[in-house]
Structure formats: structure tokens, C-alpha cells
Amino acid sequence: MTDNHQYETPAAGTLDWDEPLNRNFERIDTDVEIRDTDTNRSNYVAKTGAKFLATDTGDVYIGEGGSWNRLGTIGSSGSGGSETVDGTDLMSLLLEGYVVALGRNLSSPQTVDPTETDTPIQDALDVLAANGGGSVRLPTGVVEETGPIRPYEETRILGLGVEISKVSITDRSADGIRFDRDAGADRVALDGFALNGPAGTGATGVAIHHTNRDTQDLHVGRLLFWGWNNSVYRVDEGVGPFQCRHDQLTIYECDAGDEDGLFEFRSWYGPANWFGTIAAYPGATVSGQNTTVFFSRGGTQTVDYLTMGGSAGVAVDQTWDSVVEFGHVHWEPTTNPTNPPAIVRLRGHGTGVVGAVKHVTGTADNVYELGYDSYNGRGPARKILGPYIELGQEAAISSNVVNLAYPADPAAPSFYQGAPADVSVTHDQGNTGGLRALGTAGTGF
């Protein structure tokens, strides 16, 4: 079909049908094909050679040339605009509180009543696993689940929004969403809901936990985490998720003070993992400690924007051979029990790139620390430190912008985009020239 953007709304033609015209349609490609899900009309079209046309508003017409007849709107039933699947009003089911499974091999949506099971979301995922994969749709309100929720490959868990659809894990020791299947769980999607932990004063499981196999092509859209006294995202040693995309993650009142970080990449491999925006506002009421936000030992992680408040201590802690890149780090803590040694700690031999650090509130000893990594016994190398931006009287650095705590490797030099006066050398092993301050075109330390 030619590009439908060329068409104005067609004039109504005439077709002699004995049934109502407003029915459901499936959009295959707005520029290629609109398929009528009613088998009788599909047969009619096949026999007569008539064509479908979709306009920008989603209206669908059938006809050819100058004679068009409006059939309805894609995704609508009658004039109500409610999403329907195989004639079932999906939104009505979600408003009534049902978890709904939509499977590739299911003839109609399957519902799970959360009042009749302790594992409604897992039950729906099990239905999908037996029917070729598909989507679990979350209703409005809170769905309680003992946990953990264990996705299968080619499945999705989709809510109506983080303030509308909420999953509450009730077993204090259970993870929220756990990737541990022996067969793997590739091409999973999570989007549009809050994942709440048990909160309280005791330890909890991990909100999203990779414990087995190397999950591939995970897509996380917009999620909110609340009430986890642990990490919210952990990759265990020996596990390497790769090609995973995370659009926007928000964390409130989670306390990972005793752990390596809210985000923990403990493994030494796993390429091409991307995060858009991470907004973290941890609390310290359980551990009494600052929470490190992002910890990485290995693999590759890119974060476009990392912003934080609450008891956020170290924003980024890189060790060993991990490769990390942060476009912008915004540090604005409000309730820190102690001053962290640095906002960004880059240790070990892996490449570390930070575009800029903006500092609004709180006190840290340094902005950047380049140090020795005892895990692999190597000093800092391949670091690029962006400019430091201090805003307001509530932001303070007690020592200096950059602390070179161990000699930088001259064979794999590091660079700071600032003045030499911003750099303090706290080790006593001599000047290697492995760190260059670019404020005077490359002064070596």
C-alpha cells in the first residue's frame, strides 16, 4: 500500500453488509497492511480484492479508488475506545483487578484472580510458557505475590504505570524478579509498574536478580522500586546478562548500605548493557550507612544520566576490568550518616568515562578517586574524568576534586578535564605521568 499519509479522510462509500461495521482490527504495519480480525470480512476482502486504508487518527476504511467505507478504529470496540483482544474488553478485566495472560497460542485472554492465589503473576507466566510466550498484563492497584517471579523467554510483564500498577512481594527473603532458569530467559520485557519490597527493619531479597545463565535482550521500560533493604539490581559472579536495555528506573526508600551498591555487577563479563536514567533516593534507616548507588566489577555498562538524593554515598564504584560510561552524574544527598571518600571511585584497569559531575548538596572528601583494586591487584588506568560543577552553599568537598590514591598506569593513561590544582596525590610511590590534567594541556601526575 502507498504511504497513507498522502490521503485525506475518504468520503464514505457504500457496502451492502448485514452486520455492524465497528469491529476490531489489528495493525500489522500502517504503511503496508491492515488486517481485519473478523474472518467473514477477511474472506470478503480476499474474494473482492478490496483494500484497507489506515489514516493518522487510526480510522480504518475499506474500498478502492474513490469509494471508501469507514469500518472503525484500530484497537476499538464500537465508540468506547477500550482495548479489546479477540472480542474481550481487556481494560474491564484490568479494572476489575484480574491479572491477564495474552499468549501467542491462546484463543482468548486468560485471567488469574489475585485473591485466589499467592502467585498470580507467576501463574500467568506459567500459562504463557505453555502457550508459546506472550504478555502478562497487570491490573490497577496492588497485586501481592510471595515471590520470586521467574520469567520465561519471550514473555513480558506490563503494567498501566508505576503509580497505577504495583506488585508487592510479601516473602521477606524472596527476590522480586529472578532470572535463574536453566534454559535461560531471553527477550523478556518489564514495563509500567512498581516493584515493592517487604520494607520494615529486616533484610529483604533483591528486586531484580540475575543468578543463572546469561540473560540476553532484556528490555526494562519504566519501573519504580520501593521497600527493598538490599540491592535493587544484582548480577551474580559467573553470570553475564548482555544486550540489556533499561530506560528509566526510580528507587525510593531502599537501603543497600551493607551491600556493594543498589546496582551490583559482581560478574566479570556481560557486554552492551545500557541504562537511560537512574534516579535513586535511598534511605539509611536499616543499615545506618550510606548506600553506594552503582557498583561494577566487570562487563560493560553505559548510563546516560545518574541522579540521586537521600543517603546516596558513593555514586559510582568501578573495580577490576569493568568498562563503565556515565554521561552525567548528579549528586544531591540529604541524609548521609557519613561523608563518602569520593563521589566517583574508579579503581582497577577497566575503562571508566564520566562526562561531568554536578554537586548540589552534601559533603564528600573528593569528587573523583583513582585507586588500587585489590581484587585483581592493579592500579588505575584508562579513566576520563569530566568537569566538576559545584552548585550552592550546601555542596562541599573536604579535600580536593581529584585524589590520585595510587600511581596511574603510564602505558594506559588517564585524563582529567580540569586544572592541575584540582589534583592531590596521596600515594608515596612517585610520579608516573599516568594521569594528565588537561587544564594546562596535559600536566602529568
Protein backbone atom coordinates (compact mmCIF):
# COMPACT_ATOMS: atom_id res chain seq x y z
CA MET A 1 0.00 0.00 0.00
CA THR A 2 1.21 3.51 -0.71
CA ASP A 3 2.01 5.82 2.19
CA ASN A 4 -1.32 6.53 3.90
CA HIS A 5 -0.07 9.97 4.99
CA GLN A 6 -0.86 11.12 1.44
CA TYR A 7 -4.59 10.54 1.88
CA GLU A 8 -7.20 12.83 3.25
CA THR A 9 -10.11 11.23 5.11
CA PRO A 10 -12.02 9.35 2.40
CA ALA A 11 -15.62 10.08 1.64
CA ALA A 12 -17.96 7.37 2.85
CA GLY A 13 -18.82 4.82 0.20
CA THR A 14 -21.37 2.09 0.36
CA LEU A 15 -21.06 -1.62 1.07
CA ASP A 16 -24.09 -3.85 1.43
CA TRP A 17 -23.32 -5.67 4.69
CA ASP A 18 -25.85 -7.09 7.11
CA GLU A 19 -23.63 -6.65 10.21
CA PRO A 20 -22.35 -3.59 12.11
CA LEU A 21 -19.17 -2.03 10.77
CA ASN A 22 -17.48 -1.14 14.05
CA ARG A 23 -15.33 -4.15 14.84
CA ASN A 24 -11.74 -4.85 15.95
CA PHE A 25 -8.69 -4.50 13.76
CA GLU A 26 -5.08 -5.50 14.12
CA ARG A 27 -2.43 -3.05 12.92
CA ILE A 28 0.29 -5.05 11.12
CA ASP A 29 2.04 -2.08 9.52
CA THR A 30 0.31 1.22 8.90
CA ASP A 31 2.16 1.65 5.62
CA VAL A 32 1.77 -1.93 4.43
CA GLU A 33 -1.25 -3.82 5.67
CA ILE A 34 -4.28 -3.55 7.93
CA ARG A 35 -5.73 -6.96 8.66
CA ASP A 36 -9.38 -7.35 9.68
CA THR A 37 -9.62 -9.87 12.54
CA ASP A 38 -13.17 -10.79 11.58
CA THR A 39 -12.86 -13.91 9.42
CA ASN A 40 -16.01 -13.21 7.39
CA ARG A 41 -14.81 -9.81 6.23
CA SER A 42 -11.29 -11.14 5.63
CA ASN A 43 -12.84 -13.65 3.24
CA TYR A 44 -14.83 -10.86 1.61
CA VAL A 45 -11.68 -8.81 1.07
CA ALA A 46 -9.80 -11.80 -0.29
CA LYS A 47 -12.58 -12.53 -2.78
CA THR A 48 -13.17 -8.98 -3.97
CA GLY A 49 -9.64 -7.65 -3.87
CA ALA A 50 -10.70 -4.62 -1.83
CA LYS A 51 -8.05 -2.67 0.09
CA PHE A 52 -7.74 -1.33 3.64
CA LEU A 53 -6.60 2.21 4.38
CA ALA A 54 -5.50 3.50 7.81
CA THR A 55 -5.42 7.23 8.49
CA ASP A 56 -3.25 9.09 11.01
CA THR A 57 -6.12 9.05 13.50
CA GLY A 58 -6.30 5.25 13.43
CA ASP A 59 -9.55 5.14 11.42
CA VAL A 60 -9.79 2.22 9.03
CA TYR A 61 -11.56 2.27 5.65
CA ILE A 62 -12.23 -0.42 3.09
CA GLY A 63 -12.62 0.16 -0.61
CA GLU A 64 -10.65 1.26 -3.60
CA GLY A 65 -10.23 4.41 -5.67
CA GLY A 66 -12.90 6.98 -4.87
CA SER A 67 -15.16 4.64 -2.93
CA TRP A 68 -14.26 4.11 0.74
CA ASN A 69 -16.32 2.95 3.68
CA ARG A 70 -15.27 3.59 7.31
CA LEU A 71 -15.04 0.35 9.30
CA GLY A 72 -13.94 1.66 12.69
CA THR A 73 -10.80 2.50 14.66
CA ILE A 74 -7.81 0.26 15.30
CA GLY A 75 -7.94 -1.18 18.81
CA SER A 76 -11.50 -0.01 19.48
CA SER A 77 -14.82 -1.69 20.07
CA GLY A 78 -17.76 0.41 18.98
CA SER A 79 -17.21 4.02 20.04
CA GLY A 80 -15.88 3.36 23.56
CA GLY A 81 -12.17 3.23 22.66
CA SER A 82 -11.42 0.42 25.15
CA GLU A 83 -8.66 -2.01 24.18
CA THR A 84 -10.05 -5.35 23.11
CA VAL A 85 -8.42 -8.69 22.39
CA ASP A 86 -10.37 -11.29 20.40
CA GLY A 87 -13.57 -9.52 21.34
CA THR A 88 -12.71 -9.37 25.06
CA ASP A 89 -12.65 -5.97 26.74
CA LEU A 90 -9.19 -6.13 28.28
CA MET A 91 -9.43 -2.89 30.21
CA SER A 92 -12.55 -4.05 32.01
CA LEU A 93 -10.67 -7.12 33.24
CA LEU A 94 -7.76 -4.98 34.45
CA LEU A 95 -10.05 -2.51 36.20
CA GLU A 96 -11.72 -5.44 37.96
CA GLY A 97 -8.32 -6.47 39.37
CA TYR A 98 -7.50 -9.53 37.26
CA VAL A 99 -4.01 -10.42 36.07
CA VAL A 100 -4.40 -11.23 32.37
CA ALA A 101 -2.29 -13.57 30.24
CA LEU A 102 -2.20 -12.91 26.49
CA GLY A 103 -0.45 -15.80 24.77
CA ARG A 104 0.55 -16.47 21.20
CA ASN A 105 -1.32 -19.78 21.21
CA LEU A 106 -4.19 -18.71 23.47
CA SER A 107 -7.53 -18.32 21.73
CA SER A 108 -8.63 -15.68 24.23
CA PRO A 109 -7.21 -13.80 27.24
CA GLN A 110 -6.77 -15.93 30.36
CA THR A 111 -7.39 -14.33 33.76
CA VAL A 112 -5.88 -15.00 37.17
CA ASP A 113 -7.68 -13.73 40.27
CA PRO A 114 -5.08 -12.43 42.78
CA THR A 115 -7.49 -13.12 45.64
CA GLU A 116 -7.39 -16.85 44.91
CA THR A 117 -3.63 -17.49 44.69
CA ASP A 118 -0.41 -16.34 46.34
CA THR A 119 1.40 -16.31 42.98
CA PRO A 120 -0.91 -14.64 40.45
CA ILE A 121 1.82 -13.23 38.21
CA GLN A 122 3.83 -16.45 38.19
CA ASP A 123 0.64 -18.38 37.45
CA ALA A 124 0.04 -16.16 34.43
CA LEU A 125 3.65 -16.60 33.29
CA ASP A 126 3.24 -20.37 33.57
CA VAL A 127 0.21 -20.14 31.28
CA LEU A 128 2.30 -18.25 28.74
CA ALA A 129 5.15 -20.75 28.96
CA ALA A 130 2.72 -23.49 27.94
CA ASN A 131 1.32 -21.41 25.09
CA GLY A 132 4.26 -20.04 23.14
CA GLY A 133 5.03 -16.92 25.17
CA GLY A 134 3.23 -13.60 25.35
CA SER A 135 2.33 -10.83 27.79
CA VAL A 136 1.15 -10.66 31.38
CA ARG A 137 -0.93 -7.53 31.87
CA LEU A 138 -1.11 -6.10 35.39
CA PRO A 139 -4.32 -4.56 36.72
CA THR A 140 -4.85 -1.33 38.59
CA GLY A 141 -3.96 -1.38 42.29
CA VAL A 142 -1.65 -3.68 44.24
CA VAL A 143 -1.06 -7.32 43.31
CA GLU A 144 0.52 -9.35 46.12
CA GLU A 145 2.97 -12.09 45.18
CA THR A 146 5.01 -14.26 47.52
CA GLY A 147 7.90 -14.20 45.03
CA PRO A 148 10.15 -14.64 43.36
CA ILE A 149 8.66 -14.00 39.93
CA ARG A 150 10.63 -16.09 37.41
CA PRO A 151 10.11 -15.05 33.77
CA TYR A 152 10.41 -17.39 30.81
CA GLU A 153 11.88 -16.38 27.47
CA GLU A 154 9.65 -14.40 25.11
CA THR A 155 7.44 -13.12 27.94
CA ARG A 156 6.52 -9.61 29.07
CA ILE A 157 5.11 -8.16 32.28
CA LEU A 158 3.32 -4.91 31.52
CA GLY A 159 1.55 -2.53 33.90
CA LEU A 160 -0.52 0.60 33.37
CA GLY A 161 2.03 2.92 35.01
CA VAL A 162 4.21 2.92 38.13
CA GLU A 163 1.58 4.71 40.23
CA ILE A 164 -1.28 2.61 38.86
CA SER A 165 0.00 -0.99 38.77
CA LYS A 166 2.00 -2.15 41.79
CA VAL A 167 3.49 -5.56 42.60
CA SER A 168 4.13 -6.22 46.29
CA ILE A 169 6.48 -9.09 47.24
CA THR A 170 5.30 -10.49 50.56
CA ASP A 171 8.01 -13.08 51.38
CA ARG A 172 10.76 -11.14 53.12
CA SER A 173 13.53 -13.45 51.95
CA ALA A 174 12.35 -13.70 48.34
CA ASP A 175 13.71 -11.81 45.37
CA GLY A 176 11.28 -9.76 43.32
CA ILE A 177 12.09 -10.85 39.77
CA ARG A 178 14.66 -13.60 39.47
CA PHE A 179 16.43 -14.79 36.34
CA ASP A 180 17.57 -18.30 37.19
CA ARG A 181 16.10 -20.73 34.65
CA ASP A 182 18.44 -23.39 33.30
CA ALA A 183 17.09 -22.76 29.82
CA GLY A 184 17.71 -19.02 30.16
CA ALA A 185 15.14 -16.26 29.78
CA ASP A 186 15.99 -14.27 26.68
CA ARG A 187 13.87 -11.47 25.23
CA VAL A 188 11.97 -10.59 28.39
CA ALA A 189 10.29 -7.19 28.84
CA LEU A 190 9.26 -5.40 32.05
CA ASP A 191 7.46 -2.07 31.94
CA GLY A 192 5.00 0.25 33.62
CA PHE A 193 4.75 -0.91 37.24
CA ALA A 194 6.17 -0.51 40.74
CA LEU A 195 8.01 -3.45 42.29
CA ASN A 196 7.68 -3.07 46.07
CA GLY A 197 9.65 -4.99 48.64
CA PRO A 198 8.54 -6.00 52.15
CA ALA A 199 10.23 -2.91 53.71
CA GLY A 200 10.37 -2.99 57.54
CA THR A 201 13.60 -3.20 59.52
CA GLY A 202 14.96 -6.54 58.34
CA ALA A 203 16.87 -7.65 55.28
CA THR A 204 14.97 -8.49 52.10
CA GLY A 205 15.71 -10.19 48.84
CA VAL A 206 16.88 -8.37 45.71
CA ALA A 207 14.36 -6.59 43.50
CA ILE A 208 15.80 -7.85 40.16
CA HIS A 209 18.34 -10.64 40.48
CA HIS A 210 20.37 -12.41 37.77
CA THR A 211 21.56 -15.68 39.32
CA ASN A 212 21.87 -18.19 36.46
CA ARG A 213 22.59 -18.22 32.74
CA ASP A 214 23.30 -15.13 30.67
CA THR A 215 20.03 -13.30 30.05
CA GLN A 216 20.01 -11.70 26.61
CA ASP A 217 17.92 -8.81 25.24
CA LEU A 218 16.13 -7.93 28.46
CA HIS A 219 14.16 -4.72 28.00
CA VAL A 220 13.11 -2.77 31.08
CA GLY A 221 10.99 0.30 30.37
CA ARG A 222 9.85 2.39 33.33
CA LEU A 223 9.95 0.72 36.76
CA LEU A 224 9.85 2.02 40.33
CA PHE A 225 11.42 0.20 43.29
CA TRP A 226 10.40 0.77 46.91
CA GLY A 227 10.96 -1.01 50.23
CA TRP A 228 14.00 -3.18 49.44
CA ASN A 229 16.62 -3.48 52.19
CA ASN A 230 19.18 -4.86 49.77
CA SER A 231 20.35 -4.21 46.24
CA VAL A 232 17.63 -3.49 43.71
CA TYR A 233 19.57 -4.88 40.72
CA ARG A 234 22.21 -7.58 41.11
CA VAL A 235 24.23 -9.70 38.71
CA ASP A 236 25.93 -12.59 40.49
CA GLU A 237 29.52 -13.62 39.87
CA GLY A 238 29.69 -16.00 36.92
CA VAL A 239 26.52 -14.60 35.30
CA GLY A 240 26.69 -12.13 32.42
CA PRO A 241 23.49 -10.58 31.05
CA PHE A 242 24.15 -8.85 27.75
CA GLN A 243 22.42 -6.58 25.26
CA CYS A 244 20.03 -5.48 28.00
CA ARG A 245 18.28 -2.11 27.88
CA HIS A 246 16.82 -0.20 30.83
CA ASP A 247 15.01 3.04 30.06
CA GLN A 248 14.07 4.68 33.38
CA LEU A 249 14.49 3.23 36.88
CA THR A 250 13.45 5.10 40.04
CA ILE A 251 14.35 3.95 43.57
CA TYR A 252 12.74 5.22 46.79
CA GLU A 253 13.46 4.17 50.39
CA CYS A 254 15.71 1.22 49.57
CA ASP A 255 18.67 0.58 51.89
CA ALA A 256 21.68 -1.20 50.39
CA GLY A 257 24.14 0.14 52.95
CA ASP A 258 25.64 -3.30 53.72
CA GLU A 259 25.89 -4.30 50.05
CA ASP A 260 28.25 -3.21 47.29
CA GLY A 261 25.55 -0.99 45.79
CA LEU A 262 21.94 -0.55 44.77
CA PHE A 263 23.14 -1.75 41.37
CA GLU A 264 25.70 -4.54 41.62
CA PHE A 265 27.52 -6.08 38.69
CA ARG A 266 29.56 -8.71 40.53
CA SER A 267 30.35 -10.69 37.39
CA TRP A 268 33.44 -10.17 35.24
CA TYR A 269 31.70 -10.23 31.86
CA GLY A 270 28.49 -9.17 30.08
CA PRO A 271 28.69 -6.63 27.22
CA ALA A 272 26.38 -3.92 25.92
CA ASN A 273 24.14 -3.23 28.93
CA TRP A 274 22.55 0.22 28.73
CA PHE A 275 20.65 2.40 31.21
CA GLY A 276 18.90 5.63 30.29
CA THR A 277 18.02 7.40 33.56
CA ILE A 278 18.61 6.04 37.06
CA ALA A 279 17.08 8.17 39.84
CA ALA A 280 17.98 6.85 43.30
CA TYR A 281 16.75 8.15 46.67
CA PRO A 282 17.90 5.50 49.19
CA GLY A 283 17.33 5.51 52.94
CA ALA A 284 19.65 4.56 55.80
CA THR A 285 17.12 3.60 58.49
CA VAL A 286 18.02 -0.12 58.45
CA SER A 287 21.80 -0.24 57.96
CA GLY A 288 22.67 3.21 59.31
CA GLN A 289 25.11 3.54 56.40
CA ASN A 290 25.40 5.43 53.16
CA THR A 291 24.31 3.50 50.10
CA THR A 292 26.62 3.14 47.13
CA VAL A 293 24.47 3.57 44.05
CA PHE A 294 26.28 1.81 41.17
CA PHE A 295 28.98 -0.84 41.65
CA SER A 296 30.68 -2.69 38.81
CA ARG A 297 33.36 -5.35 38.82
CA GLY A 298 33.15 -6.43 35.19
CA GLY A 299 31.20 -6.37 31.97
CA THR A 300 30.12 -3.23 30.13
CA GLN A 301 27.56 -0.74 31.42
CA THR A 302 26.54 2.60 29.97
CA VAL A 303 24.38 5.02 31.98
CA ASP A 304 23.23 8.21 30.32
CA TYR A 305 22.05 10.01 33.47
CA LEU A 306 22.57 9.05 37.12
CA THR A 307 20.85 11.31 39.65
CA MET A 308 20.49 10.72 43.39
CA GLY A 309 19.46 12.11 46.76
CA GLY A 310 18.61 10.62 50.17
CA SER A 311 21.50 8.70 51.74
CA ALA A 312 23.35 8.17 48.46
CA GLY A 313 27.05 7.92 49.26
CA VAL A 314 29.45 6.85 46.51
CA ALA A 315 27.65 7.33 43.22
CA VAL A 316 29.89 5.11 41.08
CA ASP A 317 32.33 2.46 42.30
CA GLN A 318 34.25 0.78 39.47
CA THR A 319 36.69 -2.05 40.11
CA TRP A 320 38.67 -4.70 38.25
CA ASP A 321 38.23 -4.72 34.44
CA SER A 322 34.68 -3.43 34.11
CA VAL A 323 34.01 -0.89 31.38
CA VAL A 324 31.67 1.89 32.51
CA GLU A 325 30.50 5.11 30.91
CA PHE A 326 28.32 7.71 32.66
CA GLY A 327 27.09 10.67 30.69
CA HIS A 328 26.20 12.80 33.70
CA VAL A 329 26.28 12.26 37.48
CA HIS A 330 24.06 14.48 39.66
CA TRP A 331 24.87 14.17 43.40
CA GLU A 332 22.36 15.71 45.86
CA PRO A 333 22.24 13.67 49.10
CA THR A 334 20.24 14.92 52.07
CA THR A 335 20.59 12.35 54.87
CA ASN A 336 24.11 10.89 54.75
CA PRO A 337 25.34 9.39 58.04
CA THR A 338 28.98 9.96 56.99
CA ASN A 339 30.92 11.69 54.24
CA PRO A 340 31.92 9.27 51.44
CA PRO A 341 35.59 9.18 50.36
CA ALA A 342 34.57 10.24 46.85
CA ILE A 343 31.50 10.72 44.69
CA VAL A 344 33.09 8.64 41.92
CA ARG A 345 35.65 5.91 42.67
CA LEU A 346 37.46 4.47 39.65
CA ARG A 347 39.79 1.63 40.57
CA GLY A 348 41.48 -1.03 38.55
CA HIS A 349 42.38 -1.34 34.87
CA GLY A 350 38.99 -1.10 33.12
CA THR A 351 37.98 1.92 31.08
CA GLY A 352 35.94 4.46 33.06
CA VAL A 353 34.38 7.55 31.48
CA VAL A 354 32.38 10.21 33.35
CA GLY A 355 31.04 13.13 31.31
CA ALA A 356 30.53 15.50 34.26
CA VAL A 357 29.69 15.57 37.98
CA LYS A 358 27.19 18.12 39.26
CA HIS A 359 27.21 18.58 43.06
CA VAL A 360 24.25 20.28 44.75
CA THR A 361 24.18 19.20 48.44
CA GLY A 362 26.22 17.09 50.85
CA THR A 363 29.90 16.72 51.63
CA ALA A 364 32.41 14.26 50.18
CA ASP A 365 36.15 14.02 50.72
CA ASN A 366 36.80 14.12 46.97
CA VAL A 367 34.83 14.18 43.75
CA TYR A 368 37.00 11.59 42.00
CA GLU A 369 39.27 8.92 43.45
CA LEU A 370 41.62 6.90 41.25
CA GLY A 371 42.83 3.97 43.29
CA TYR A 372 44.21 0.46 43.59
CA ASP A 373 41.91 -2.53 43.11
CA SER A 374 42.82 -5.38 45.46
CA TYR A 375 40.50 -7.77 43.58
CA ASN A 376 42.91 -8.00 40.64
CA GLY A 377 45.91 -6.26 42.17
CA ARG A 378 46.16 -3.41 39.67
CA GLY A 379 46.27 0.35 39.78
CA PRO A 380 44.07 2.80 37.85
CA ALA A 381 44.19 3.10 34.06
CA ARG A 382 42.11 4.33 31.13
CA LYS A 383 39.99 6.83 33.08
CA ILE A 384 38.47 10.02 31.66
CA LEU A 385 37.18 12.44 34.29
CA GLY A 386 34.79 15.16 33.15
CA PRO A 387 34.44 18.62 34.69
CA TYR A 388 33.20 19.15 38.22
CA ILE A 389 30.27 21.56 38.69
CA GLU A 390 29.61 22.73 42.26
CA LEU A 391 26.27 24.43 42.86
CA GLY A 392 25.19 26.21 46.04
CA GLN A 393 26.49 26.64 49.57
CA GLU A 394 25.27 23.20 50.67
CA ALA A 395 27.79 21.43 48.43
CA ALA A 396 31.25 20.90 49.90
CA ILE A 397 34.46 18.95 49.21
CA SER A 398 36.68 18.48 52.26
CA SER A 399 39.88 17.58 50.37
CA ASN A 400 40.14 18.13 46.62
CA VAL A 401 38.40 17.39 43.34
CA VAL A 402 40.69 14.51 42.30
CA ASN A 403 42.54 12.16 44.64
CA LEU A 404 45.21 10.04 42.96
CA ALA A 405 45.47 7.34 45.63
CA TYR A 406 47.71 5.00 43.62
CA PRO A 407 50.09 5.54 40.68
CA ALA A 408 48.27 5.70 37.37
CA ASP A 409 49.48 3.39 34.61
CA PRO A 410 51.51 5.47 32.10
CA ALA A 411 51.02 2.79 29.41
CA ALA A 412 47.24 3.31 29.61
CA PRO A 413 46.98 6.96 30.71
CA SER A 414 44.03 8.70 32.32
CA PHE A 415 42.83 12.29 31.82
CA TYR A 416 41.08 14.90 33.95
CA GLN A 417 39.33 17.79 32.21
CA GLY A 418 40.31 20.38 34.79
CA ALA A 419 43.18 22.29 36.38
CA PRO A 420 46.30 20.69 37.91
CA ALA A 421 45.48 22.41 41.21
CA ASP A 422 42.38 20.20 41.43
CA VAL A 423 44.54 17.07 41.76
CA SER A 424 46.00 15.75 45.02
CA VAL A 425 48.47 12.87 45.12
CA THR A 426 48.07 10.85 48.31
CA HIS A 427 50.30 7.88 47.46
CA ASP A 428 54.10 7.96 48.01
CA GLN A 429 55.30 5.83 45.09
CA GLY A 430 56.48 8.59 42.77
CA ASN A 431 55.17 10.43 39.73
CA THR A 432 54.44 8.21 36.72
CA GLY A 433 52.71 10.76 34.49
CA GLY A 434 49.86 8.30 34.03
CA LEU A 435 47.22 10.90 34.96
CA ARG A 436 47.11 14.13 32.96
CA ALA A 437 45.23 17.27 33.94
CA LEU A 438 44.21 18.97 30.71
CA GLY A 439 43.72 22.45 32.17
CA THR A 440 47.27 23.34 31.09
CA ALA A 441 47.36 20.96 28.11
CA GLY A 442 48.44 17.87 29.97
CA THR A 443 50.28 18.35 33.27
CA GLY A 444 51.32 14.88 34.44
CA PHE A 445 50.96 13.29 37.89
